[in-house]
Amino acid sequence: MKNAFLLLLVLACLSSCNSDSSEQTASKDDTTVWTSYGEPIADLSTPVSASEVVTLMDAGGSGQGLFDAEIVQSCMTMGCWMSVKGPQGDTVMVFMKDHAFFVPKDSVQGKRALFSGEAYYDTLSVEFQKHLLEDAGADQAAIDAVSEPVFELAFEASGVQIADVPEGAPMAGE
């Protein structure tokens, strides 16, 4: 009996150890399970959709807030960025602040994401666009087709929550 209790205690301790930097929480009003990455998002009550982002932008071309969008793709190398559906049906880049955290590299396409941070306009150089395409696993023809810088809306996220991430979604280093 003592050995069985000791075994249960050891198993409980081992199962509480988790080196993953994500945290799962269930929403109280539906069955959506949210997985958190990066800094905790304090207030989830007022997310702004991608089509409403420009309403938060100040005269300097940036704005802080909580944003809500559908994930199109994430970085296949580290999970250090994701692209989301933008305001005109385009895609908008979301970069993880200071590479301090990562999102799953795969299996999050089509999932809803909430992310807090800063929206801003930025010029992406040809070199950086090619780097992003390499991270995304694009073929060489797509990479070679990039010939001009682009000026576009982007985000720097300090915290991200993704809805219904599959158990065991691949992260950086896996």
C-alpha atoms as a PDB file:
ATOM      1  CA  MET A   1       0.000   0.000   0.000  1.00  0.00           C
ATOM      2  CA  LYS A   2       2.839   2.344   0.907  1.00  0.00           C
ATOM      3  CA  ASN A   3       4.538   1.597  -2.438  1.00  0.00           C
ATOM      4  CA  ALA A   4       1.321   2.309  -4.366  1.00  0.00           C
ATOM      5  CA  PHE A   5       0.943   5.673  -2.609  1.00  0.00           C
ATOM      6  CA  LEU A   6       4.586   6.515  -3.308  1.00  0.00           C
ATOM      7  CA  LEU A   7       4.154   5.570  -6.976  1.00  0.00           C
ATOM      8  CA  LEU A   8       1.071   7.814  -7.279  1.00  0.00           C
ATOM      9  CA  LEU A   9       2.944  10.681  -5.631  1.00  0.00           C
ATOM     10  CA  VAL A  10       5.892  10.317  -8.028  1.00  0.00           C
ATOM     11  CA  LEU A  11       3.570  10.136 -11.053  1.00  0.00           C
ATOM     12  CA  ALA A  12       1.695  13.244  -9.906  1.00  0.00           C
ATOM     13  CA  CYS A  13       4.959  15.146  -9.508  1.00  0.00           C
ATOM     14  CA  LEU A  14       6.244  14.042 -12.905  1.00  0.00           C
ATOM     15  CA  SER A  15       3.022  14.927 -14.681  1.00  0.00           C
ATOM     16  CA  SER A  16       3.111  18.443 -13.236  1.00  0.00           C
ATOM     17  CA  CYS A  17       6.569  19.034 -14.748  1.00  0.00           C
ATOM     18  CA  ASN A  18       6.176  20.673 -18.149  1.00  0.00           C
ATOM     19  CA  SER A  19       8.924  22.366 -20.133  1.00  0.00           C
ATOM     20  CA  ASP A  20       6.475  23.703 -22.751  1.00  0.00           C
ATOM     21  CA  SER A  21       5.974  27.473 -22.565  1.00  0.00           C
ATOM     22  CA  SER A  22       2.320  27.220 -23.523  1.00  0.00           C
ATOM     23  CA  GLU A  23      -0.697  27.033 -21.264  1.00  0.00           C
ATOM     24  CA  GLN A  24      -4.171  25.720 -22.090  1.00  0.00           C
ATOM     25  CA  THR A  25      -7.378  27.217 -20.714  1.00  0.00           C
ATOM     26  CA  ALA A  26     -11.006  26.523 -21.518  1.00  0.00           C
ATOM     27  CA  SER A  27     -13.387  29.371 -22.208  1.00  0.00           C
ATOM     28  CA  LYS A  28     -16.270  29.507 -19.728  1.00  0.00           C
ATOM     29  CA  ASP A  29     -18.967  30.210 -22.327  1.00  0.00           C
ATOM     30  CA  ASP A  30     -18.094  27.674 -25.033  1.00  0.00           C
ATOM     31  CA  THR A  31     -16.007  24.597 -25.707  1.00  0.00           C
ATOM     32  CA  THR A  32     -13.058  26.460 -27.220  1.00  0.00           C
ATOM     33  CA  VAL A  33      -9.745  25.566 -25.605  1.00  0.00           C
ATOM     34  CA  TRP A  34      -7.194  28.381 -25.830  1.00  0.00           C
ATOM     35  CA  THR A  35      -3.454  27.746 -25.714  1.00  0.00           C
ATOM     36  CA  SER A  36      -1.351  30.711 -24.572  1.00  0.00           C
ATOM     37  CA  TYR A  37       2.137  31.662 -25.740  1.00  0.00           C
ATOM     38  CA  GLY A  38       4.273  34.549 -24.521  1.00  0.00           C
ATOM     39  CA  GLU A  39       3.011  37.083 -21.998  1.00  0.00           C
ATOM     40  CA  PRO A  40      -0.441  36.506 -20.500  1.00  0.00           C
ATOM     41  CA  ILE A  41      -3.208  38.553 -22.110  1.00  0.00           C
ATOM     42  CA  ALA A  42      -4.920  40.383 -19.252  1.00  0.00           C
ATOM     43  CA  ASP A  43      -8.134  41.535 -20.938  1.00  0.00           C
ATOM     44  CA  LEU A  44      -9.711  39.369 -23.620  1.00  0.00           C
ATOM     45  CA  SER A  45     -12.995  41.296 -23.693  1.00  0.00           C
ATOM     46  CA  THR A  46     -12.336  43.741 -26.540  1.00  0.00           C
ATOM     47  CA  PRO A  47     -10.422  42.182 -29.438  1.00  0.00           C
ATOM     48  CA  VAL A  48     -10.303  44.123 -32.707  1.00  0.00           C
ATOM     49  CA  SER A  49     -10.729  42.238 -35.969  1.00  0.00           C
ATOM     50  CA  ALA A  50      -8.174  42.579 -38.737  1.00  0.00           C
ATOM     51  CA  SER A  51     -10.585  44.756 -40.724  1.00  0.00           C
ATOM     52  CA  GLU A  52     -10.849  47.210 -37.799  1.00  0.00           C
ATOM     53  CA  VAL A  53      -7.121  47.512 -37.095  1.00  0.00           C
ATOM     54  CA  VAL A  54      -6.729  50.829 -38.886  1.00  0.00           C
ATOM     55  CA  THR A  55      -9.137  52.412 -36.367  1.00  0.00           C
ATOM     56  CA  LEU A  56      -6.481  51.898 -33.670  1.00  0.00           C
ATOM     57  CA  MET A  57      -3.656  53.441 -35.654  1.00  0.00           C
ATOM     58  CA  ASP A  58      -2.397  56.806 -34.429  1.00  0.00           C
ATOM     59  CA  ALA A  59      -0.872  59.605 -36.503  1.00  0.00           C
ATOM     60  CA  GLY A  60       2.500  57.860 -36.252  1.00  0.00           C
ATOM     61  CA  GLY A  61       1.112  54.778 -37.997  1.00  0.00           C
ATOM     62  CA  SER A  62       0.975  52.377 -35.054  1.00  0.00           C
ATOM     63  CA  GLY A  63      -1.467  51.255 -32.385  1.00  0.00           C
ATOM     64  CA  GLN A  64      -1.576  49.024 -29.309  1.00  0.00           C
ATOM     65  CA  GLY A  65      -4.360  46.547 -28.692  1.00  0.00           C
ATOM     66  CA  LEU A  66      -5.797  43.061 -28.735  1.00  0.00           C
ATOM     67  CA  PHE A  67      -6.297  41.669 -32.217  1.00  0.00           C
ATOM     68  CA  ASP A  68      -8.387  38.764 -33.514  1.00  0.00           C
ATOM     69  CA  ALA A  69      -7.638  36.991 -36.804  1.00  0.00           C
ATOM     70  CA  GLU A  70      -7.498  33.621 -38.543  1.00  0.00           C
ATOM     71  CA  ILE A  71      -4.047  32.059 -38.939  1.00  0.00           C
ATOM     72  CA  VAL A  72      -2.990  31.431 -42.533  1.00  0.00           C
ATOM     73  CA  GLN A  73       0.484  30.022 -41.832  1.00  0.00           C
ATOM     74  CA  SER A  74       3.222  29.905 -39.210  1.00  0.00           C
ATOM     75  CA  CYS A  75       7.007  29.793 -39.491  1.00  0.00           C
ATOM     76  CA  MET A  76       8.035  26.212 -40.247  1.00  0.00           C
ATOM     77  CA  THR A  77      11.537  26.765 -38.855  1.00  0.00           C
ATOM     78  CA  MET A  78      10.900  28.065 -35.325  1.00  0.00           C
ATOM     79  CA  GLY A  79       7.340  29.339 -34.995  1.00  0.00           C
ATOM     80  CA  CYS A  80       8.682  32.901 -34.597  1.00  0.00           C
ATOM     81  CA  TRP A  81       6.022  34.429 -36.864  1.00  0.00           C
ATOM     82  CA  MET A  82       2.614  33.702 -38.284  1.00  0.00           C
ATOM     83  CA  SER A  83       0.615  35.239 -41.084  1.00  0.00           C
ATOM     84  CA  VAL A  84      -3.051  36.012 -40.481  1.00  0.00           C
ATOM     85  CA  LYS A  85      -5.945  37.063 -42.704  1.00  0.00           C
ATOM     86  CA  GLY A  86      -5.753  40.804 -43.219  1.00  0.00           C
ATOM     87  CA  PRO A  87      -8.312  43.559 -43.686  1.00  0.00           C
ATOM     88  CA  GLN A  88      -8.557  43.281 -47.497  1.00  0.00           C
ATOM     89  CA  GLY A  89      -8.328  39.504 -47.714  1.00  0.00           C
ATOM     90  CA  ASP A  90      -4.547  39.775 -47.826  1.00  0.00           C
ATOM     91  CA  THR A  91      -2.184  38.323 -45.251  1.00  0.00           C
ATOM     92  CA  VAL A  92      -0.578  40.265 -42.426  1.00  0.00           C
ATOM     93  CA  MET A  93       2.617  39.232 -40.643  1.00  0.00           C
ATOM     94  CA  VAL A  94       2.637  38.762 -36.862  1.00  0.00           C
ATOM     95  CA  PHE A  95       6.120  38.617 -35.347  1.00  0.00           C
ATOM     96  CA  MET A  96       6.773  37.321 -31.821  1.00  0.00           C
ATOM     97  CA  LYS A  97       8.310  40.125 -29.770  1.00  0.00           C
ATOM     98  CA  ASP A  98      12.079  39.735 -29.312  1.00  0.00           C
ATOM     99  CA  HIS A  99      11.793  36.048 -30.335  1.00  0.00           C
ATOM    100  CA  ALA A 100      10.917  35.534 -26.659  1.00  0.00           C
ATOM    101  CA  PHE A 101       8.336  32.835 -27.453  1.00  0.00           C
ATOM    102  CA  PHE A 102       7.163  30.706 -30.343  1.00  0.00           C
ATOM    103  CA  VAL A 103       3.889  29.309 -31.677  1.00  0.00           C
ATOM    104  CA  PRO A 104       3.457  25.805 -33.141  1.00  0.00           C
ATOM    105  CA  LYS A 105       5.208  25.325 -36.476  1.00  0.00           C
ATOM    106  CA  ASP A 106       2.371  23.332 -37.941  1.00  0.00           C
ATOM    107  CA  SER A 107      -1.282  22.407 -37.385  1.00  0.00           C
ATOM    108  CA  VAL A 108      -2.522  25.916 -36.515  1.00  0.00           C
ATOM    109  CA  GLN A 109      -3.557  26.970 -40.031  1.00  0.00           C
ATOM    110  CA  GLY A 110      -7.205  28.055 -40.055  1.00  0.00           C
ATOM    111  CA  LYS A 111      -7.282  28.443 -36.261  1.00  0.00           C
ATOM    112  CA  ARG A 112      -8.494  31.610 -34.567  1.00  0.00           C
ATOM    113  CA  ALA A 113      -5.798  33.650 -32.810  1.00  0.00           C
ATOM    114  CA  LEU A 114      -5.950  36.481 -30.304  1.00  0.00           C
ATOM    115  CA  PHE A 115      -2.731  38.445 -29.962  1.00  0.00           C
ATOM    116  CA  SER A 116      -1.821  41.495 -27.949  1.00  0.00           C
ATOM    117  CA  GLY A 117       0.802  43.960 -29.004  1.00  0.00           C
ATOM    118  CA  GLU A 118       1.450  46.660 -31.544  1.00  0.00           C
ATOM    119  CA  ALA A 119       0.115  47.093 -35.067  1.00  0.00           C
ATOM    120  CA  TYR A 120       2.347  49.145 -37.359  1.00  0.00           C
ATOM    121  CA  TYR A 121       3.225  49.738 -40.993  1.00  0.00           C
ATOM    122  CA  ASP A 122       6.618  48.507 -42.142  1.00  0.00           C
ATOM    123  CA  THR A 123       8.675  48.094 -45.286  1.00  0.00           C
ATOM    124  CA  LEU A 124       9.766  44.493 -45.811  1.00  0.00           C
ATOM    125  CA  SER A 125      12.989  44.326 -47.818  1.00  0.00           C
ATOM    126  CA  VAL A 126      13.448  41.863 -50.669  1.00  0.00           C
ATOM    127  CA  GLU A 127      15.978  39.961 -48.555  1.00  0.00           C
ATOM    128  CA  PHE A 128      13.595  39.706 -45.579  1.00  0.00           C
ATOM    129  CA  GLN A 129      10.674  38.618 -47.774  1.00  0.00           C
ATOM    130  CA  LYS A 130      12.852  35.849 -49.204  1.00  0.00           C
ATOM    131  CA  HIS A 131      13.863  34.822 -45.677  1.00  0.00           C
ATOM    132  CA  LEU A 132      10.184  34.584 -44.677  1.00  0.00           C
ATOM    133  CA  LEU A 133       9.422  32.462 -47.742  1.00  0.00           C
ATOM    134  CA  GLU A 134      12.310  30.131 -46.874  1.00  0.00           C
ATOM    135  CA  ASP A 135      10.942  29.837 -43.310  1.00  0.00           C
ATOM    136  CA  ALA A 136       7.535  28.995 -44.778  1.00  0.00           C
ATOM    137  CA  GLY A 137       8.990  26.196 -46.915  1.00  0.00           C
ATOM    138  CA  ALA A 138       8.217  27.922 -50.242  1.00  0.00           C
ATOM    139  CA  ASP A 139       9.722  26.573 -53.437  1.00  0.00           C
ATOM    140  CA  GLN A 140      12.705  28.289 -55.056  1.00  0.00           C
ATOM    141  CA  ALA A 141      10.590  29.778 -57.869  1.00  0.00           C
ATOM    142  CA  ALA A 142       8.447  31.690 -55.345  1.00  0.00           C
ATOM    143  CA  ILE A 143      11.553  32.894 -53.512  1.00  0.00           C
ATOM    144  CA  ASP A 144      13.224  34.024 -56.758  1.00  0.00           C
ATOM    145  CA  ALA A 145      10.055  35.891 -57.826  1.00  0.00           C
ATOM    146  CA  VAL A 146      10.435  38.462 -55.019  1.00  0.00           C
ATOM    147  CA  SER A 147      11.943  41.563 -56.596  1.00  0.00           C
ATOM    148  CA  GLU A 148      10.652  44.640 -54.730  1.00  0.00           C
ATOM    149  CA  PRO A 149      10.240  45.765 -51.131  1.00  0.00           C
ATOM    150  CA  VAL A 150       6.646  45.921 -49.862  1.00  0.00           C
ATOM    151  CA  PHE A 151       5.057  48.392 -47.446  1.00  0.00           C
ATOM    152  CA  GLU A 152       2.436  46.647 -45.346  1.00  0.00           C
ATOM    153  CA  LEU A 153       0.636  46.307 -42.060  1.00  0.00           C
ATOM    154  CA  ALA A 154       2.402  44.092 -39.498  1.00  0.00           C
ATOM    155  CA  PHE A 155       2.121  43.208 -35.808  1.00  0.00           C
ATOM    156  CA  GLU A 156       4.566  42.636 -32.986  1.00  0.00           C
ATOM    157  CA  ALA A 157       2.872  40.303 -30.508  1.00  0.00           C
ATOM    158  CA  SER A 158       3.820  40.135 -26.843  1.00  0.00           C
ATOM    159  CA  GLY A 159       1.241  37.431 -26.152  1.00  0.00           C
ATOM    160  CA  VAL A 160      -0.776  35.034 -28.322  1.00  0.00           C
ATOM    161  CA  GLN A 161      -3.715  32.731 -27.682  1.00  0.00           C
ATOM    162  CA  ILE A 162      -4.663  30.144 -30.299  1.00  0.00           C
ATOM    163  CA  ALA A 163      -7.977  28.294 -30.295  1.00  0.00           C
ATOM    164  CA  ASP A 164      -8.099  24.510 -30.282  1.00  0.00           C
ATOM    165  CA  VAL A 165      -4.419  23.717 -30.882  1.00  0.00           C
ATOM    166  CA  PRO A 166      -4.066  19.957 -31.406  1.00  0.00           C
ATOM    167  CA  GLU A 167      -2.352  18.072 -28.591  1.00  0.00           C
ATOM    168  CA  GLY A 168       1.332  17.642 -29.420  1.00  0.00           C
ATOM    169  CA  ALA A 169       1.483  20.357 -32.111  1.00  0.00           C
ATOM    170  CA  PRO A 170       5.146  20.587 -33.237  1.00  0.00           C
ATOM    171  CA  MET A 171       7.171  23.395 -31.685  1.00  0.00           C
ATOM    172  CA  ALA A 172      10.686  24.685 -32.405  1.00  0.00           C
ATOM    173  CA  GLY A 173      13.306  21.993 -31.926  1.00  0.00           C
ATOM    174  CA  GLU A 174      10.912  19.141 -32.678  1.00  0.00           C
END
